[in-house]
Amino acid sequence: MKIAIAYGLFEGPLCGRILRKELRQRGHSIVGIKNADILILHSGAWLMMDKYPTDKRILLIDPAYQTTQSVLTKSVRRIQYDLRHLRPLQYPGYLLRRSYNLWYFITKLPYWIEMLENYRSKDISSLLRQKHVHLFEASDPAWHDTVVTNRAANAIVELPGDHDALWHTPRLTADILGL
């Protein structure tokens, strides 16, 4: 299968390199969105698309969407979740991932500003009701709003772990995504 990966807030190819490697080892090719059979949209990535193709399977991985909580509140909750669940040997990897986030924040600031503007204005409900869209939520509840996600056309599947688990547990993620 041809798979495209779109990254969320303060993310980019450095974050997804291990997942891409895992998918290639399973016989998939990583391509651009226009040529893909399957789109993996993590976090805020869905906010940056003008149209959602109906001829592709769309996997929404812990999408960020407008709720009654601010992005700042959700981010703080996410960091609290991370710190509660990290084991001492995981700190170096966690700090490395946060350094990637800082790098992408600095180098792509206009893109993030646009994503945050879209966060305030786009509604995910209509996207979730489409039959070709599948929602995967992390164990970390920081981004969840059951009022919104209960309207999804397909069953919601839980990805064990934190919001970024797909980047650091790629084998498990690929299994759960059915890839």
N, C-alpha and C. Protein backbone atom coordinates (compact mmCIF):
# COMPACT_ATOMS: atom_id res chain seq x y z
N MET A 1 0.84 -1.19 0.00
CA MET A 1 0.00 0.00 0.00
C MET A 1 0.88 1.25 0.00
N LYS A 2 0.33 2.30 -0.57
CA LYS A 2 1.01 3.60 -0.55
C LYS A 2 0.41 4.41 0.59
N ILE A 3 1.29 4.87 1.48
CA ILE A 3 0.85 5.56 2.69
C ILE A 3 1.48 6.95 2.75
N ALA A 4 0.66 7.94 3.11
CA ALA A 4 1.15 9.29 3.37
C ALA A 4 0.99 9.58 4.85
N ILE A 5 1.96 10.27 5.42
CA ILE A 5 1.91 10.65 6.83
C ILE A 5 1.93 12.17 6.90
N ALA A 6 0.94 12.73 7.60
CA ALA A 6 0.90 14.18 7.82
C ALA A 6 1.06 14.42 9.32
N TYR A 7 1.92 15.34 9.66
CA TYR A 7 2.33 15.56 11.04
C TYR A 7 1.52 16.66 11.71
N GLY A 8 1.42 16.56 13.04
CA GLY A 8 0.66 17.51 13.82
C GLY A 8 1.50 18.70 14.28
N LEU A 9 0.96 19.38 15.26
CA LEU A 9 1.56 20.60 15.79
C LEU A 9 2.99 20.35 16.28
N PHE A 10 3.91 21.16 15.78
CA PHE A 10 5.34 21.11 16.14
C PHE A 10 5.98 19.76 15.81
N GLU A 11 5.51 19.12 14.74
CA GLU A 11 6.06 17.84 14.32
C GLU A 11 6.52 17.90 12.88
N GLY A 12 7.29 16.90 12.50
CA GLY A 12 7.77 16.78 11.13
C GLY A 12 8.43 15.43 10.93
N PRO A 13 9.13 15.26 9.81
CA PRO A 13 9.71 13.96 9.46
C PRO A 13 10.64 13.35 10.52
N LEU A 14 11.34 14.16 11.29
CA LEU A 14 12.20 13.58 12.34
C LEU A 14 11.38 12.77 13.34
N CYS A 15 10.19 13.24 13.63
CA CYS A 15 9.32 12.55 14.59
C CYS A 15 8.86 11.20 14.06
N GLY A 16 8.63 11.10 12.76
CA GLY A 16 8.05 9.90 12.19
C GLY A 16 9.01 8.93 11.53
N ARG A 17 10.31 9.14 11.69
CA ARG A 17 11.26 8.30 10.95
C ARG A 17 11.18 6.83 11.34
N ILE A 18 10.95 6.51 12.61
CA ILE A 18 10.89 5.10 13.03
C ILE A 18 9.60 4.46 12.52
N LEU A 19 8.50 5.19 12.53
CA LEU A 19 7.24 4.66 11.98
C LEU A 19 7.37 4.42 10.48
N ARG A 20 7.98 5.36 9.77
CA ARG A 20 8.17 5.18 8.32
C ARG A 20 9.01 3.93 8.04
N LYS A 21 10.05 3.74 8.83
CA LYS A 21 10.91 2.55 8.66
C LYS A 21 10.11 1.27 8.88
N GLU A 22 9.29 1.25 9.93
CA GLU A 22 8.46 0.08 10.23
C GLU A 22 7.48 -0.20 9.08
N LEU A 23 6.86 0.83 8.56
CA LEU A 23 5.90 0.64 7.46
C LEU A 23 6.60 0.12 6.21
N ARG A 24 7.79 0.63 5.92
CA ARG A 24 8.56 0.13 4.76
C ARG A 24 8.93 -1.34 4.94
N GLN A 25 9.32 -1.71 6.16
CA GLN A 25 9.67 -3.11 6.43
C GLN A 25 8.46 -4.03 6.23
N ARG A 26 7.27 -3.49 6.38
CA ARG A 26 6.05 -4.27 6.18
C ARG A 26 5.59 -4.25 4.72
N GLY A 27 6.40 -3.65 3.85
CA GLY A 27 6.10 -3.68 2.43
C GLY A 27 5.34 -2.48 1.89
N HIS A 28 5.11 -1.48 2.71
CA HIS A 28 4.40 -0.27 2.26
C HIS A 28 5.40 0.74 1.71
N SER A 29 4.92 1.62 0.87
CA SER A 29 5.77 2.72 0.42
C SER A 29 5.20 4.02 0.97
N ILE A 30 6.10 4.95 1.29
CA ILE A 30 5.71 6.24 1.83
C ILE A 30 5.71 7.23 0.67
N VAL A 31 4.56 7.86 0.45
CA VAL A 31 4.38 8.75 -0.69
C VAL A 31 3.70 10.03 -0.23
N GLY A 32 3.53 10.96 -1.15
CA GLY A 32 2.80 12.19 -0.87
C GLY A 32 1.29 11.93 -0.80
N ILE A 33 0.57 12.88 -0.26
CA ILE A 33 -0.87 12.72 -0.03
C ILE A 33 -1.63 12.41 -1.32
N LYS A 34 -1.29 13.07 -2.41
CA LYS A 34 -2.03 12.86 -3.66
C LYS A 34 -1.90 11.44 -4.20
N ASN A 35 -0.78 10.77 -3.94
CA ASN A 35 -0.53 9.43 -4.48
C ASN A 35 -0.84 8.31 -3.50
N ALA A 36 -1.31 8.63 -2.32
CA ALA A 36 -1.49 7.63 -1.26
C ALA A 36 -2.84 6.92 -1.36
N ASP A 37 -2.84 5.67 -0.88
CA ASP A 37 -4.08 4.92 -0.69
C ASP A 37 -4.61 5.17 0.72
N ILE A 38 -3.68 5.38 1.65
CA ILE A 38 -4.02 5.58 3.06
C ILE A 38 -3.34 6.84 3.55
N LEU A 39 -4.09 7.68 4.27
CA LEU A 39 -3.53 8.89 4.88
C LEU A 39 -3.50 8.69 6.39
N ILE A 40 -2.34 8.87 6.99
CA ILE A 40 -2.21 8.89 8.44
C ILE A 40 -2.09 10.35 8.84
N LEU A 41 -3.11 10.86 9.52
CA LEU A 41 -3.13 12.27 9.93
C LEU A 41 -3.04 12.32 11.45
N HIS A 42 -1.92 12.80 11.96
CA HIS A 42 -1.71 12.84 13.41
C HIS A 42 -2.04 14.22 13.97
N SER A 43 -2.71 14.24 15.09
CA SER A 43 -2.96 15.45 15.87
C SER A 43 -3.62 16.54 15.03
N GLY A 44 -2.95 17.64 14.81
CA GLY A 44 -3.54 18.76 14.07
C GLY A 44 -3.39 18.68 12.57
N ALA A 45 -2.85 17.60 12.04
CA ALA A 45 -2.61 17.50 10.59
C ALA A 45 -3.89 17.66 9.78
N TRP A 46 -5.01 17.15 10.28
CA TRP A 46 -6.27 17.24 9.55
C TRP A 46 -6.69 18.70 9.36
N LEU A 47 -6.23 19.58 10.23
CA LEU A 47 -6.60 21.00 10.16
C LEU A 47 -6.01 21.69 8.94
N MET A 48 -4.96 21.13 8.37
CA MET A 48 -4.26 21.78 7.27
C MET A 48 -4.71 21.32 5.90
N MET A 49 -5.72 20.47 5.85
CA MET A 49 -6.23 20.00 4.56
C MET A 49 -7.49 20.77 4.20
N ASP A 50 -7.55 21.24 2.96
CA ASP A 50 -8.74 21.95 2.50
C ASP A 50 -9.87 21.00 2.15
N LYS A 51 -9.50 19.88 1.51
CA LYS A 51 -10.49 18.87 1.13
C LYS A 51 -9.99 17.52 1.59
N TYR A 52 -10.93 16.67 1.96
CA TYR A 52 -10.60 15.33 2.42
C TYR A 52 -11.02 14.34 1.35
N PRO A 53 -10.06 13.68 0.71
CA PRO A 53 -10.40 12.78 -0.39
C PRO A 53 -11.27 11.61 0.07
N THR A 54 -12.29 11.30 -0.69
CA THR A 54 -13.18 10.19 -0.34
C THR A 54 -12.69 8.87 -0.92
N ASP A 55 -11.69 8.91 -1.78
CA ASP A 55 -11.17 7.68 -2.39
C ASP A 55 -9.98 7.11 -1.62
N LYS A 56 -9.69 7.66 -0.46
CA LYS A 56 -8.56 7.20 0.35
C LYS A 56 -9.06 6.85 1.76
N ARG A 57 -8.41 5.87 2.35
CA ARG A 57 -8.71 5.55 3.75
C ARG A 57 -7.97 6.56 4.61
N ILE A 58 -8.68 7.22 5.50
CA ILE A 58 -8.08 8.24 6.36
C ILE A 58 -8.05 7.73 7.79
N LEU A 59 -6.85 7.70 8.37
CA LEU A 59 -6.66 7.28 9.75
C LEU A 59 -6.32 8.52 10.57
N LEU A 60 -7.26 8.96 11.39
CA LEU A 60 -7.05 10.12 12.26
C LEU A 60 -6.46 9.60 13.57
N ILE A 61 -5.25 10.01 13.86
CA ILE A 61 -4.56 9.54 15.06
C ILE A 61 -4.59 10.65 16.10
N ASP A 62 -5.39 10.45 17.14
CA ASP A 62 -5.51 11.40 18.24
C ASP A 62 -5.62 12.84 17.73
N PRO A 63 -6.65 13.13 16.94
CA PRO A 63 -6.76 14.46 16.34
C PRO A 63 -7.02 15.55 17.37
N ALA A 64 -6.46 16.71 17.10
CA ALA A 64 -6.70 17.89 17.93
C ALA A 64 -7.89 18.64 17.33
N TYR A 65 -8.87 18.97 18.15
CA TYR A 65 -10.03 19.70 17.66
C TYR A 65 -10.59 20.57 18.78
N GLN A 66 -11.35 21.56 18.38
CA GLN A 66 -11.89 22.55 19.31
C GLN A 66 -12.87 21.91 20.28
N THR A 67 -12.65 22.15 21.56
CA THR A 67 -13.58 21.72 22.61
C THR A 67 -13.73 22.90 23.55
N THR A 68 -14.21 22.64 24.74
CA THR A 68 -14.36 23.72 25.71
C THR A 68 -13.03 24.10 26.36
N GLN A 69 -11.98 23.30 26.12
CA GLN A 69 -10.67 23.58 26.70
C GLN A 69 -9.75 24.22 25.67
N SER A 70 -8.90 25.09 26.14
CA SER A 70 -7.94 25.75 25.26
C SER A 70 -6.81 24.79 24.88
N VAL A 71 -6.08 25.14 23.83
CA VAL A 71 -4.92 24.35 23.43
C VAL A 71 -3.90 24.32 24.56
N LEU A 72 -3.73 25.44 25.24
CA LEU A 72 -2.77 25.50 26.35
C LEU A 72 -3.16 24.52 27.46
N THR A 73 -4.44 24.50 27.83
CA THR A 73 -4.90 23.58 28.87
C THR A 73 -4.67 22.14 28.46
N LYS A 74 -5.00 21.82 27.21
CA LYS A 74 -4.80 20.46 26.72
C LYS A 74 -3.31 20.09 26.71
N SER A 75 -2.47 21.04 26.33
CA SER A 75 -1.03 20.79 26.28
C SER A 75 -0.48 20.52 27.68
N VAL A 76 -0.93 21.29 28.66
CA VAL A 76 -0.48 21.09 30.04
C VAL A 76 -0.93 19.71 30.53
N ARG A 77 -2.18 19.35 30.23
CA ARG A 77 -2.68 18.02 30.63
C ARG A 77 -1.86 16.92 29.98
N ARG A 78 -1.48 17.13 28.74
CA ARG A 78 -0.67 16.12 28.03
C ARG A 78 0.70 15.96 28.68
N ILE A 79 1.35 17.07 29.01
CA ILE A 79 2.67 17.00 29.66
C ILE A 79 2.54 16.33 31.03
N GLN A 80 1.47 16.64 31.76
CA GLN A 80 1.25 15.99 33.06
C GLN A 80 1.10 14.48 32.88
N TYR A 81 0.36 14.07 31.86
CA TYR A 81 0.20 12.64 31.57
C TYR A 81 1.57 12.02 31.27
N ASP A 82 2.33 12.68 30.41
CA ASP A 82 3.66 12.16 30.04
C ASP A 82 4.53 11.97 31.27
N LEU A 83 4.59 12.97 32.12
CA LEU A 83 5.48 12.93 33.28
C LEU A 83 5.04 11.87 34.29
N ARG A 84 3.72 11.66 34.41
CA ARG A 84 3.22 10.63 35.32
C ARG A 84 3.58 9.22 34.84
N HIS A 85 3.65 9.02 33.53
CA HIS A 85 3.82 7.68 32.98
C HIS A 85 5.25 7.37 32.51
N LEU A 86 6.12 8.35 32.51
CA LEU A 86 7.51 8.10 32.08
C LEU A 86 8.28 7.34 33.15
N ARG A 87 9.09 6.41 32.69
CA ARG A 87 10.02 5.72 33.58
C ARG A 87 11.38 6.40 33.40
N PRO A 88 12.25 6.35 34.40
CA PRO A 88 13.53 7.06 34.31
C PRO A 88 14.33 6.77 33.04
N LEU A 89 14.33 5.55 32.55
CA LEU A 89 15.10 5.23 31.35
C LEU A 89 14.50 5.84 30.09
N GLN A 90 13.26 6.32 30.17
CA GLN A 90 12.61 6.92 29.01
C GLN A 90 12.87 8.42 28.89
N TYR A 91 13.44 9.03 29.91
CA TYR A 91 13.67 10.48 29.87
C TYR A 91 14.50 10.94 28.68
N PRO A 92 15.61 10.28 28.34
CA PRO A 92 16.40 10.76 27.19
C PRO A 92 15.58 10.79 25.89
N GLY A 93 14.81 9.74 25.62
CA GLY A 93 13.98 9.72 24.42
C GLY A 93 12.91 10.79 24.44
N TYR A 94 12.32 11.00 25.62
CA TYR A 94 11.30 12.04 25.77
C TYR A 94 11.90 13.42 25.48
N LEU A 95 13.06 13.69 26.05
CA LEU A 95 13.71 14.98 25.83
C LEU A 95 14.13 15.16 24.37
N LEU A 96 14.56 14.09 23.72
CA LEU A 96 14.90 14.16 22.30
C LEU A 96 13.66 14.52 21.48
N ARG A 97 12.54 13.88 21.77
CA ARG A 97 11.30 14.19 21.03
C ARG A 97 10.88 15.64 21.26
N ARG A 98 11.02 16.13 22.49
CA ARG A 98 10.66 17.53 22.75
C ARG A 98 11.61 18.48 22.03
N SER A 99 12.88 18.08 21.87
CA SER A 99 13.81 18.94 21.11
C SER A 99 13.40 18.98 19.64
N TYR A 100 12.90 17.87 19.09
CA TYR A 100 12.37 17.89 17.72
C TYR A 100 11.20 18.87 17.64
N ASN A 101 10.31 18.81 18.65
CA ASN A 101 9.17 19.72 18.66
C ASN A 101 9.62 21.17 18.68
N LEU A 102 10.62 21.48 19.48
CA LEU A 102 11.14 22.84 19.54
C LEU A 102 11.73 23.25 18.19
N TRP A 103 12.48 22.36 17.55
CA TRP A 103 13.07 22.64 16.24
C TRP A 103 11.97 22.97 15.23
N TYR A 104 10.93 22.15 15.16
CA TYR A 104 9.85 22.40 14.20
C TYR A 104 9.08 23.67 14.55
N PHE A 105 8.92 23.96 15.82
CA PHE A 105 8.25 25.20 16.23
C PHE A 105 9.00 26.41 15.68
N ILE A 106 10.31 26.41 15.85
CA ILE A 106 11.13 27.56 15.43
C ILE A 106 11.18 27.68 13.91
N THR A 107 11.32 26.56 13.21
CA THR A 107 11.56 26.61 11.77
C THR A 107 10.30 26.75 10.92
N LYS A 108 9.13 26.49 11.49
CA LYS A 108 7.90 26.55 10.70
C LYS A 108 6.81 27.38 11.37
N LEU A 109 7.18 28.45 12.03
CA LEU A 109 6.24 29.25 12.81
C LEU A 109 4.99 29.69 12.03
N PRO A 110 5.10 30.22 10.81
CA PRO A 110 3.88 30.63 10.09
C PRO A 110 2.90 29.47 9.87
N TYR A 111 3.41 28.29 9.64
CA TYR A 111 2.57 27.10 9.45
C TYR A 111 1.78 26.80 10.72
N TRP A 112 2.45 26.91 11.88
CA TRP A 112 1.78 26.62 13.16
C TRP A 112 0.72 27.67 13.46
N ILE A 113 1.00 28.91 13.11
CA ILE A 113 0.01 29.97 13.33
C ILE A 113 -1.25 29.67 12.52
N GLU A 114 -1.06 29.24 11.27
CA GLU A 114 -2.20 28.88 10.43
C GLU A 114 -2.95 27.68 11.03
N MET A 115 -2.21 26.70 11.53
CA MET A 115 -2.85 25.52 12.13
C MET A 115 -3.69 25.93 13.34
N LEU A 116 -3.17 26.82 14.17
CA LEU A 116 -3.92 27.27 15.35
C LEU A 116 -5.16 28.07 14.94
N GLU A 117 -5.06 28.85 13.89
CA GLU A 117 -6.24 29.56 13.39
C GLU A 117 -7.30 28.56 12.91
N ASN A 118 -6.87 27.53 12.21
CA ASN A 118 -7.80 26.49 11.75
C ASN A 118 -8.39 25.72 12.92
N TYR A 119 -7.62 25.54 13.97
CA TYR A 119 -8.10 24.84 15.17
C TYR A 119 -9.32 25.56 15.73
N ARG A 120 -9.27 26.88 15.70
CA ARG A 120 -10.38 27.67 16.24
C ARG A 120 -11.61 27.69 15.33
N SER A 121 -11.41 27.41 14.03
CA SER A 121 -12.51 27.59 13.09
C SER A 121 -13.05 26.31 12.46
N LYS A 122 -12.28 25.23 12.44
CA LYS A 122 -12.74 24.01 11.77
C LYS A 122 -13.46 23.08 12.74
N ASP A 123 -14.49 22.40 12.21
CA ASP A 123 -15.27 21.44 12.99
C ASP A 123 -14.97 20.03 12.47
N ILE A 124 -14.58 19.15 13.36
CA ILE A 124 -14.19 17.79 12.96
C ILE A 124 -15.39 16.86 12.79
N SER A 125 -16.56 17.26 13.26
CA SER A 125 -17.72 16.37 13.28
C SER A 125 -18.07 15.80 11.92
N SER A 126 -18.11 16.64 10.90
CA SER A 126 -18.50 16.14 9.57
C SER A 126 -17.45 15.17 9.01
N LEU A 127 -16.19 15.40 9.32
CA LEU A 127 -15.13 14.49 8.87
C LEU A 127 -15.29 13.12 9.54
N LEU A 128 -15.60 13.11 10.83
CA LEU A 128 -15.73 11.85 11.57
C LEU A 128 -16.91 11.02 11.09
N ARG A 129 -17.92 11.65 10.52
CA ARG A 129 -19.11 10.92 10.06
C ARG A 129 -18.90 10.20 8.73
N GLN A 130 -17.78 10.44 8.07
CA GLN A 130 -17.52 9.81 6.78
C GLN A 130 -17.04 8.36 6.98
N LYS A 131 -17.56 7.46 6.16
CA LYS A 131 -17.29 6.02 6.31
C LYS A 131 -15.83 5.63 6.10
N HIS A 132 -15.09 6.39 5.34
CA HIS A 132 -13.69 6.04 5.05
C HIS A 132 -12.71 6.63 6.07
N VAL A 133 -13.25 7.29 7.09
CA VAL A 133 -12.42 7.92 8.13
C VAL A 133 -12.48 7.06 9.40
N HIS A 134 -11.32 6.74 9.93
CA HIS A 134 -11.22 5.91 11.12
C HIS A 134 -10.49 6.69 12.21
N LEU A 135 -11.04 6.69 13.41
CA LEU A 135 -10.50 7.48 14.52
C LEU A 135 -9.78 6.57 15.51
N PHE A 136 -8.55 6.96 15.84
CA PHE A 136 -7.74 6.25 16.83
C PHE A 136 -7.37 7.27 17.90
N GLU A 137 -7.69 6.95 19.16
CA GLU A 137 -7.39 7.87 20.26
C GLU A 137 -6.39 7.22 21.21
N ALA A 138 -5.47 8.04 21.70
CA ALA A 138 -4.47 7.57 22.66
C ALA A 138 -5.11 7.38 24.03
N SER A 139 -4.44 6.60 24.88
CA SER A 139 -4.91 6.42 26.26
C SER A 139 -4.93 7.74 27.01
N ASP A 140 -4.04 8.64 26.62
CA ASP A 140 -3.96 9.98 27.21
C ASP A 140 -5.22 10.75 26.80
N PRO A 141 -6.08 11.10 27.76
CA PRO A 141 -7.35 11.74 27.41
C PRO A 141 -7.27 13.25 27.18
N ALA A 142 -6.09 13.82 27.11
CA ALA A 142 -5.95 15.27 27.02
C ALA A 142 -6.69 15.89 25.84
N TRP A 143 -6.78 15.18 24.70
CA TRP A 143 -7.38 15.76 23.50
C TRP A 143 -8.82 15.30 23.28
N HIS A 144 -9.35 14.40 24.09
CA HIS A 144 -10.64 13.77 23.83
C HIS A 144 -11.83 14.63 24.23
N ASP A 145 -12.90 14.47 23.49
CA ASP A 145 -14.20 15.04 23.84
C ASP A 145 -15.23 14.04 23.33
N THR A 146 -15.80 13.25 24.23
CA THR A 146 -16.70 12.18 23.81
C THR A 146 -17.96 12.70 23.12
N VAL A 147 -18.37 13.92 23.41
CA VAL A 147 -19.53 14.49 22.71
C VAL A 147 -19.26 14.54 21.21
N VAL A 148 -18.04 14.87 20.85
CA VAL A 148 -17.66 14.95 19.43
C VAL A 148 -17.39 13.57 18.87
N THR A 149 -16.56 12.80 19.54
CA THR A 149 -16.12 11.52 18.97
C THR A 149 -17.20 10.46 18.94
N ASN A 150 -18.22 10.56 19.77
CA ASN A 150 -19.31 9.58 19.73
C ASN A 150 -20.11 9.67 18.44
N ARG A 151 -19.91 10.71 17.66
CA ARG A 151 -20.61 10.86 16.39
C ARG A 151 -19.85 10.21 15.23
N ALA A 152 -18.73 9.59 15.52
CA ALA A 152 -17.90 8.99 14.46
C ALA A 152 -18.65 7.85 13.77
N ALA A 153 -18.49 7.74 12.46
CA ALA A 153 -19.15 6.69 11.68
C ALA A 153 -18.60 5.31 12.02
N ASN A 154 -17.32 5.23 12.32
CA ASN A 154 -16.68 3.96 12.64
C ASN A 154 -16.33 3.91 14.12
N ALA A 155 -16.17 2.71 14.64
CA ALA A 155 -15.82 2.54 16.04
C ALA A 155 -14.48 3.20 16.33
N ILE A 156 -14.37 3.78 17.50
CA ILE A 156 -13.13 4.42 17.93
C ILE A 156 -12.20 3.33 18.47
N VAL A 157 -10.96 3.35 18.04
CA VAL A 157 -9.98 2.37 18.49
C VAL A 157 -8.97 3.08 19.38
N GLU A 158 -8.65 2.46 20.51
CA GLU A 158 -7.67 3.07 21.42
C GLU A 158 -6.26 2.63 21.06
N LEU A 159 -5.36 3.61 21.01
CA LEU A 159 -3.93 3.34 20.87
C LEU A 159 -3.33 3.48 22.26
N PRO A 160 -2.79 2.40 22.82
CA PRO A 160 -2.22 2.50 24.16
C PRO A 160 -1.07 3.50 24.21
N GLY A 161 -1.06 4.29 25.27
CA GLY A 161 0.05 5.22 25.46
C GLY A 161 -0.34 6.67 25.31
N ASP A 162 0.67 7.49 25.18
CA ASP A 162 0.47 8.94 25.14
C ASP A 162 0.11 9.42 23.73
N HIS A 163 -0.10 10.71 23.62
CA HIS A 163 -0.51 11.34 22.37
C HIS A 163 0.44 11.04 21.21
N ASP A 164 1.71 10.91 21.48
CA ASP A 164 2.72 10.67 20.43
C ASP A 164 3.16 9.21 20.36
N ALA A 165 2.37 8.30 20.89
CA ALA A 165 2.78 6.88 20.93
C ALA A 165 3.06 6.32 19.55
N LEU A 166 2.39 6.80 18.52
CA LEU A 166 2.65 6.27 17.19
C LEU A 166 4.08 6.49 16.76
N TRP A 167 4.74 7.53 17.27
CA TRP A 167 6.13 7.80 16.89
C TRP A 167 7.11 6.90 17.63
N HIS A 168 6.84 6.56 18.88
CA HIS A 168 7.83 5.78 19.63
C HIS A 168 7.40 4.33 19.92
N THR A 169 6.23 3.92 19.46
CA THR A 169 5.85 2.50 19.49
C THR A 169 5.30 2.12 18.10
N PRO A 170 6.13 2.23 17.06
CA PRO A 170 5.64 2.07 15.70
C PRO A 170 5.14 0.66 15.37
N ARG A 171 5.75 -0.35 15.93
CA ARG A 171 5.31 -1.73 15.62
C ARG A 171 3.89 -1.95 16.14
N LEU A 172 3.65 -1.58 17.40
CA LEU A 172 2.32 -1.71 17.98
C LEU A 172 1.31 -0.85 17.22
N THR A 173 1.72 0.37 16.90
CA THR A 173 0.84 1.28 16.15
C THR A 173 0.46 0.68 14.81
N ALA A 174 1.43 0.18 14.06
CA ALA A 174 1.14 -0.41 12.75
C ALA A 174 0.21 -1.61 12.88
N ASP A 175 0.39 -2.41 13.93
CA ASP A 175 -0.50 -3.56 14.15
C ASP A 175 -1.93 -3.08 14.40
N ILE A 176 -2.09 -2.11 15.28
CA ILE A 176 -3.43 -1.62 15.63
C ILE A 176 -4.08 -0.94 14.43
N LEU A 177 -3.30 -0.23 13.63
CA LEU A 177 -3.85 0.44 12.45
C LEU A 177 -4.17 -0.55 11.33
N GLY A 178 -3.73 -1.79 11.50
CA GLY A 178 -3.99 -2.81 10.48
C GLY A 178 -3.10 -2.68 9.26
N LEU A 179 -1.89 -2.17 9.46
CA LEU A 179 -0.97 -1.96 8.33
C LEU A 179 0.14 -3.00 8.29
